[in-house]
Amino acid sequence: MIVEELGSQAVAHDSGAIVASVARDSFVYARAGRTISLPVEPLDIYYVRLPDTAVWSDGRPLGADEAQQLLADVTATFEHWGERCELVRPDDPRILRTLDQLVTYIRAEAGGT
């Protein structure tokens, strides 16, 4: 995979995608004229939160091939920058920021309400 630096916070991929940091905790993935925002938790590893159902900015869900390409491009972006990333679900306990979120997660995992 070829990754080309577009600036200090953006890269282009040979897949036609552009991945760019738009804030400390947010990235945008652009491909074929559509975009999707990806929240990121910049901890010891960059935890990229993937939605349960990924949709483009125009409301159309990503197809399976598009989703796989997004995962490959985002991972290659962080590798290009010399950083580690992990793609996680929004409810992953490693990125839960509040006590309420953590308690809800633990209860759900334990089968309680």
N, C-alpha and C. Protein backbone atom coordinates (compact mmCIF):
# COMPACT_ATOMS: atom_id res chain seq x y z
N MET A 1 0.84 -1.18 0.00
CA MET A 1 0.00 0.00 0.00
C MET A 1 0.89 1.23 0.00
N ILE A 2 0.57 2.16 -0.86
CA ILE A 2 1.33 3.40 -0.96
C ILE A 2 0.60 4.49 -0.18
N VAL A 3 1.33 5.15 0.70
CA VAL A 3 0.79 6.25 1.49
C VAL A 3 1.66 7.47 1.21
N GLU A 4 1.02 8.56 0.82
CA GLU A 4 1.75 9.78 0.48
C GLU A 4 1.32 10.91 1.42
N GLU A 5 2.30 11.57 2.00
CA GLU A 5 2.04 12.69 2.91
C GLU A 5 1.49 13.89 2.12
N LEU A 6 0.34 14.40 2.56
CA LEU A 6 -0.24 15.60 1.94
C LEU A 6 0.06 16.84 2.76
N GLY A 7 0.35 16.65 4.01
CA GLY A 7 0.63 17.73 4.94
C GLY A 7 0.93 17.10 6.28
N SER A 8 1.07 17.91 7.30
CA SER A 8 1.43 17.36 8.60
C SER A 8 0.33 16.51 9.22
N GLN A 9 -0.90 16.66 8.76
CA GLN A 9 -2.01 15.94 9.37
C GLN A 9 -2.86 15.16 8.37
N ALA A 10 -2.37 14.93 7.16
CA ALA A 10 -3.18 14.24 6.15
C ALA A 10 -2.31 13.41 5.22
N VAL A 11 -2.87 12.27 4.82
CA VAL A 11 -2.18 11.41 3.86
C VAL A 11 -3.15 10.93 2.79
N ALA A 12 -2.60 10.61 1.62
CA ALA A 12 -3.37 10.03 0.53
C ALA A 12 -2.92 8.60 0.33
N HIS A 13 -3.86 7.74 -0.02
CA HIS A 13 -3.58 6.32 -0.23
C HIS A 13 -3.76 5.97 -1.70
N ASP A 14 -3.08 4.92 -2.14
CA ASP A 14 -3.24 4.49 -3.52
C ASP A 14 -4.64 3.94 -3.78
N SER A 15 -5.44 3.73 -2.73
CA SER A 15 -6.84 3.30 -2.88
C SER A 15 -7.73 4.47 -3.32
N GLY A 16 -7.18 5.68 -3.29
CA GLY A 16 -7.96 6.87 -3.60
C GLY A 16 -8.49 7.58 -2.37
N ALA A 17 -8.19 7.05 -1.20
CA ALA A 17 -8.68 7.64 0.05
C ALA A 17 -7.71 8.67 0.59
N ILE A 18 -8.29 9.59 1.37
CA ILE A 18 -7.51 10.55 2.14
C ILE A 18 -7.93 10.38 3.59
N VAL A 19 -6.95 10.31 4.47
CA VAL A 19 -7.20 10.24 5.91
C VAL A 19 -6.54 11.47 6.51
N ALA A 20 -7.32 12.23 7.29
CA ALA A 20 -6.79 13.47 7.85
C ALA A 20 -7.27 13.67 9.27
N SER A 21 -6.39 14.20 10.08
CA SER A 21 -6.74 14.58 11.44
C SER A 21 -7.44 15.94 11.37
N VAL A 22 -8.61 16.03 12.00
CA VAL A 22 -9.33 17.30 12.01
C VAL A 22 -9.38 17.91 13.40
N ALA A 23 -8.98 17.14 14.39
CA ALA A 23 -8.88 17.60 15.77
C ALA A 23 -8.08 16.54 16.52
N ARG A 24 -7.76 16.82 17.76
CA ARG A 24 -6.98 15.86 18.55
C ARG A 24 -7.69 14.51 18.66
N ASP A 25 -9.02 14.54 18.64
CA ASP A 25 -9.78 13.32 18.86
C ASP A 25 -10.73 12.97 17.71
N SER A 26 -10.39 13.41 16.50
CA SER A 26 -11.27 13.13 15.37
C SER A 26 -10.48 13.09 14.06
N PHE A 27 -10.82 12.10 13.25
CA PHE A 27 -10.23 11.96 11.92
C PHE A 27 -11.36 11.91 10.91
N VAL A 28 -11.04 12.25 9.69
CA VAL A 28 -12.00 12.12 8.60
C VAL A 28 -11.38 11.20 7.55
N TYR A 29 -12.22 10.33 7.03
CA TYR A 29 -11.83 9.41 5.96
C TYR A 29 -12.64 9.82 4.75
N ALA A 30 -11.97 10.13 3.65
CA ALA A 30 -12.65 10.58 2.43
C ALA A 30 -12.28 9.66 1.28
N ARG A 31 -13.31 9.26 0.54
CA ARG A 31 -13.08 8.39 -0.62
C ARG A 31 -14.26 8.51 -1.57
N ALA A 32 -13.98 8.63 -2.84
CA ALA A 32 -14.99 8.68 -3.89
C ALA A 32 -16.03 9.77 -3.64
N GLY A 33 -15.58 10.92 -3.13
CA GLY A 33 -16.47 12.05 -2.93
C GLY A 33 -17.32 11.99 -1.67
N ARG A 34 -17.12 10.98 -0.83
CA ARG A 34 -17.88 10.87 0.42
C ARG A 34 -16.92 10.85 1.60
N THR A 35 -17.44 11.17 2.77
CA THR A 35 -16.61 11.18 3.97
C THR A 35 -17.30 10.45 5.12
N ILE A 36 -16.49 10.07 6.08
CA ILE A 36 -16.98 9.52 7.34
C ILE A 36 -16.03 10.02 8.43
N SER A 37 -16.59 10.48 9.53
CA SER A 37 -15.78 10.93 10.66
C SER A 37 -15.53 9.76 11.60
N LEU A 38 -14.33 9.71 12.13
CA LEU A 38 -13.94 8.65 13.05
C LEU A 38 -13.41 9.25 14.34
N PRO A 39 -14.12 9.06 15.45
CA PRO A 39 -13.60 9.53 16.73
C PRO A 39 -12.37 8.71 17.12
N VAL A 40 -11.40 9.37 17.72
CA VAL A 40 -10.16 8.72 18.13
C VAL A 40 -9.86 9.11 19.57
N GLU A 41 -9.46 8.11 20.35
CA GLU A 41 -9.00 8.35 21.71
C GLU A 41 -7.47 8.25 21.68
N PRO A 42 -6.78 9.39 21.78
CA PRO A 42 -5.31 9.37 21.71
C PRO A 42 -4.70 9.05 23.07
N LEU A 43 -4.69 7.77 23.43
CA LEU A 43 -4.10 7.34 24.68
C LEU A 43 -2.72 6.75 24.37
N ASP A 44 -2.29 5.72 25.06
CA ASP A 44 -0.98 5.12 24.76
C ASP A 44 -0.97 4.53 23.35
N ILE A 45 -2.14 4.11 22.90
CA ILE A 45 -2.38 3.67 21.52
C ILE A 45 -3.51 4.56 21.01
N TYR A 46 -3.53 4.85 19.75
CA TYR A 46 -4.67 5.58 19.19
C TYR A 46 -5.82 4.60 19.01
N TYR A 47 -6.86 4.74 19.82
CA TYR A 47 -8.03 3.88 19.71
C TYR A 47 -9.02 4.55 18.76
N VAL A 48 -9.19 3.97 17.59
CA VAL A 48 -10.11 4.49 16.59
C VAL A 48 -11.45 3.81 16.81
N ARG A 49 -12.46 4.61 17.16
CA ARG A 49 -13.78 4.05 17.46
C ARG A 49 -14.58 3.89 16.18
N LEU A 50 -14.95 2.65 15.91
CA LEU A 50 -15.75 2.34 14.72
C LEU A 50 -17.21 2.21 15.11
N PRO A 51 -18.09 2.82 14.36
CA PRO A 51 -19.52 2.71 14.69
C PRO A 51 -20.02 1.30 14.41
N ASP A 52 -21.11 0.93 15.11
CA ASP A 52 -21.71 -0.38 14.86
C ASP A 52 -22.13 -0.51 13.39
N THR A 53 -22.71 0.56 12.85
CA THR A 53 -23.09 0.61 11.44
C THR A 53 -22.47 1.86 10.85
N ALA A 54 -21.45 1.66 10.03
CA ALA A 54 -20.76 2.81 9.44
C ALA A 54 -21.55 3.34 8.25
N VAL A 55 -21.75 4.66 8.25
CA VAL A 55 -22.45 5.30 7.13
C VAL A 55 -21.64 6.49 6.64
N TRP A 56 -21.70 6.71 5.35
CA TRP A 56 -21.06 7.88 4.75
C TRP A 56 -21.81 9.14 5.16
N SER A 57 -21.21 10.27 4.92
CA SER A 57 -21.83 11.55 5.26
C SER A 57 -23.15 11.78 4.53
N ASP A 58 -23.35 11.09 3.40
CA ASP A 58 -24.61 11.23 2.67
C ASP A 58 -25.69 10.25 3.18
N GLY A 59 -25.36 9.48 4.24
CA GLY A 59 -26.33 8.57 4.84
C GLY A 59 -26.30 7.15 4.31
N ARG A 60 -25.52 6.91 3.27
CA ARG A 60 -25.44 5.56 2.70
C ARG A 60 -24.48 4.70 3.51
N PRO A 61 -24.92 3.49 3.90
CA PRO A 61 -24.01 2.60 4.65
C PRO A 61 -22.81 2.18 3.80
N LEU A 62 -21.69 1.99 4.44
CA LEU A 62 -20.51 1.48 3.75
C LEU A 62 -20.75 0.02 3.39
N GLY A 63 -20.38 -0.36 2.19
CA GLY A 63 -20.43 -1.75 1.79
C GLY A 63 -19.29 -2.52 2.47
N ALA A 64 -19.35 -3.83 2.41
CA ALA A 64 -18.32 -4.65 3.05
C ALA A 64 -16.93 -4.34 2.50
N ASP A 65 -16.81 -4.18 1.18
CA ASP A 65 -15.51 -3.87 0.58
C ASP A 65 -15.03 -2.48 1.00
N GLU A 66 -15.95 -1.53 1.07
CA GLU A 66 -15.59 -0.17 1.50
C GLU A 66 -15.12 -0.17 2.94
N ALA A 67 -15.80 -0.93 3.79
CA ALA A 67 -15.43 -1.00 5.20
C ALA A 67 -14.04 -1.62 5.36
N GLN A 68 -13.77 -2.68 4.62
CA GLN A 68 -12.45 -3.31 4.68
C GLN A 68 -11.36 -2.36 4.19
N GLN A 69 -11.66 -1.59 3.15
CA GLN A 69 -10.68 -0.63 2.65
C GLN A 69 -10.44 0.47 3.67
N LEU A 70 -11.50 0.94 4.32
CA LEU A 70 -11.36 1.95 5.37
C LEU A 70 -10.43 1.44 6.46
N LEU A 71 -10.66 0.22 6.94
CA LEU A 71 -9.82 -0.36 7.99
C LEU A 71 -8.36 -0.42 7.55
N ALA A 72 -8.12 -0.88 6.33
CA ALA A 72 -6.76 -0.98 5.82
C ALA A 72 -6.10 0.39 5.70
N ASP A 73 -6.84 1.37 5.17
CA ASP A 73 -6.28 2.71 4.98
C ASP A 73 -5.99 3.40 6.31
N VAL A 74 -6.89 3.28 7.27
CA VAL A 74 -6.68 3.92 8.57
C VAL A 74 -5.48 3.30 9.27
N THR A 75 -5.39 1.98 9.24
CA THR A 75 -4.26 1.29 9.87
C THR A 75 -2.95 1.70 9.20
N ALA A 76 -2.94 1.75 7.88
CA ALA A 76 -1.73 2.16 7.15
C ALA A 76 -1.34 3.60 7.45
N THR A 77 -2.33 4.45 7.68
CA THR A 77 -2.05 5.85 8.02
C THR A 77 -1.25 5.94 9.30
N PHE A 78 -1.72 5.25 10.33
CA PHE A 78 -1.02 5.31 11.61
C PHE A 78 0.36 4.66 11.52
N GLU A 79 0.47 3.57 10.79
CA GLU A 79 1.78 2.94 10.58
C GLU A 79 2.73 3.93 9.89
N HIS A 80 2.21 4.64 8.88
CA HIS A 80 3.01 5.63 8.16
C HIS A 80 3.54 6.71 9.11
N TRP A 81 2.70 7.10 10.06
CA TRP A 81 3.09 8.12 11.03
C TRP A 81 3.90 7.56 12.19
N GLY A 82 4.16 6.25 12.18
CA GLY A 82 4.95 5.65 13.25
C GLY A 82 4.19 5.51 14.55
N GLU A 83 2.88 5.45 14.47
CA GLU A 83 2.03 5.34 15.66
C GLU A 83 1.30 4.00 15.64
N ARG A 84 0.89 3.58 16.82
CA ARG A 84 0.09 2.36 16.92
C ARG A 84 -1.38 2.74 17.03
N CYS A 85 -2.23 1.98 16.36
CA CYS A 85 -3.66 2.21 16.48
C CYS A 85 -4.37 0.88 16.65
N GLU A 86 -5.52 0.96 17.24
CA GLU A 86 -6.37 -0.21 17.37
C GLU A 86 -7.79 0.23 17.04
N LEU A 87 -8.46 -0.55 16.24
CA LEU A 87 -9.82 -0.26 15.83
C LEU A 87 -10.75 -0.93 16.84
N VAL A 88 -11.60 -0.12 17.49
CA VAL A 88 -12.42 -0.64 18.58
C VAL A 88 -13.88 -0.20 18.43
N ARG A 89 -14.74 -0.93 19.12
CA ARG A 89 -16.16 -0.54 19.19
C ARG A 89 -16.29 0.65 20.16
N PRO A 90 -17.33 1.45 20.00
CA PRO A 90 -17.49 2.62 20.88
C PRO A 90 -17.62 2.27 22.36
N ASP A 91 -18.07 1.06 22.69
CA ASP A 91 -18.25 0.70 24.10
C ASP A 91 -17.06 -0.06 24.67
N ASP A 92 -15.92 -0.05 23.98
CA ASP A 92 -14.74 -0.74 24.48
C ASP A 92 -14.33 -0.13 25.82
N PRO A 93 -14.14 -0.93 26.85
CA PRO A 93 -13.85 -0.39 28.18
C PRO A 93 -12.52 0.35 28.29
N ARG A 94 -11.62 0.14 27.34
CA ARG A 94 -10.33 0.85 27.41
C ARG A 94 -10.48 2.33 27.10
N ILE A 95 -11.60 2.72 26.51
CA ILE A 95 -11.77 4.13 26.15
C ILE A 95 -12.95 4.78 26.86
N LEU A 96 -13.56 4.07 27.79
CA LEU A 96 -14.69 4.67 28.51
C LEU A 96 -14.15 5.75 29.44
N ARG A 97 -14.69 6.92 29.33
CA ARG A 97 -14.16 8.08 30.04
C ARG A 97 -14.86 8.39 31.36
N THR A 98 -16.10 7.93 31.54
CA THR A 98 -16.81 8.28 32.77
C THR A 98 -17.12 7.04 33.58
N LEU A 99 -17.30 7.23 34.85
CA LEU A 99 -17.64 6.14 35.75
C LEU A 99 -18.98 5.52 35.34
N ASP A 100 -19.95 6.34 34.96
CA ASP A 100 -21.25 5.82 34.53
C ASP A 100 -21.11 4.90 33.32
N GLN A 101 -20.29 5.28 32.36
CA GLN A 101 -20.07 4.45 31.19
C GLN A 101 -19.44 3.12 31.58
N LEU A 102 -18.47 3.17 32.49
CA LEU A 102 -17.80 1.96 32.92
C LEU A 102 -18.75 1.03 33.68
N VAL A 103 -19.56 1.59 34.58
CA VAL A 103 -20.51 0.79 35.35
C VAL A 103 -21.53 0.14 34.41
N THR A 104 -22.03 0.89 33.46
CA THR A 104 -23.01 0.34 32.50
C THR A 104 -22.38 -0.80 31.71
N TYR A 105 -21.14 -0.63 31.28
CA TYR A 105 -20.45 -1.66 30.52
C TYR A 105 -20.27 -2.93 31.37
N ILE A 106 -19.81 -2.77 32.58
CA ILE A 106 -19.56 -3.94 33.46
C ILE A 106 -20.87 -4.67 33.74
N ARG A 107 -21.93 -3.93 33.99
CA ARG A 107 -23.23 -4.57 34.22
C ARG A 107 -23.71 -5.34 32.99
N ALA A 108 -23.53 -4.76 31.83
CA ALA A 108 -23.95 -5.44 30.60
C ALA A 108 -23.15 -6.71 30.38
N GLU A 109 -21.85 -6.65 30.63
CA GLU A 109 -21.01 -7.84 30.46
C GLU A 109 -21.38 -8.92 31.47
N ALA A 110 -21.80 -8.51 32.66
CA ALA A 110 -22.17 -9.48 33.70
C ALA A 110 -23.60 -9.99 33.52
N GLY A 111 -24.32 -9.41 32.58
CA GLY A 111 -25.70 -9.85 32.32
C GLY A 111 -26.71 -9.19 33.23
N GLY A 112 -26.29 -8.17 33.95
CA GLY A 112 -27.20 -7.43 34.84
C GLY A 112 -27.76 -6.20 34.15
N THR A 113 -28.63 -5.51 34.84
CA THR A 113 -29.22 -4.29 34.25
C THR A 113 -28.81 -3.06 34.99
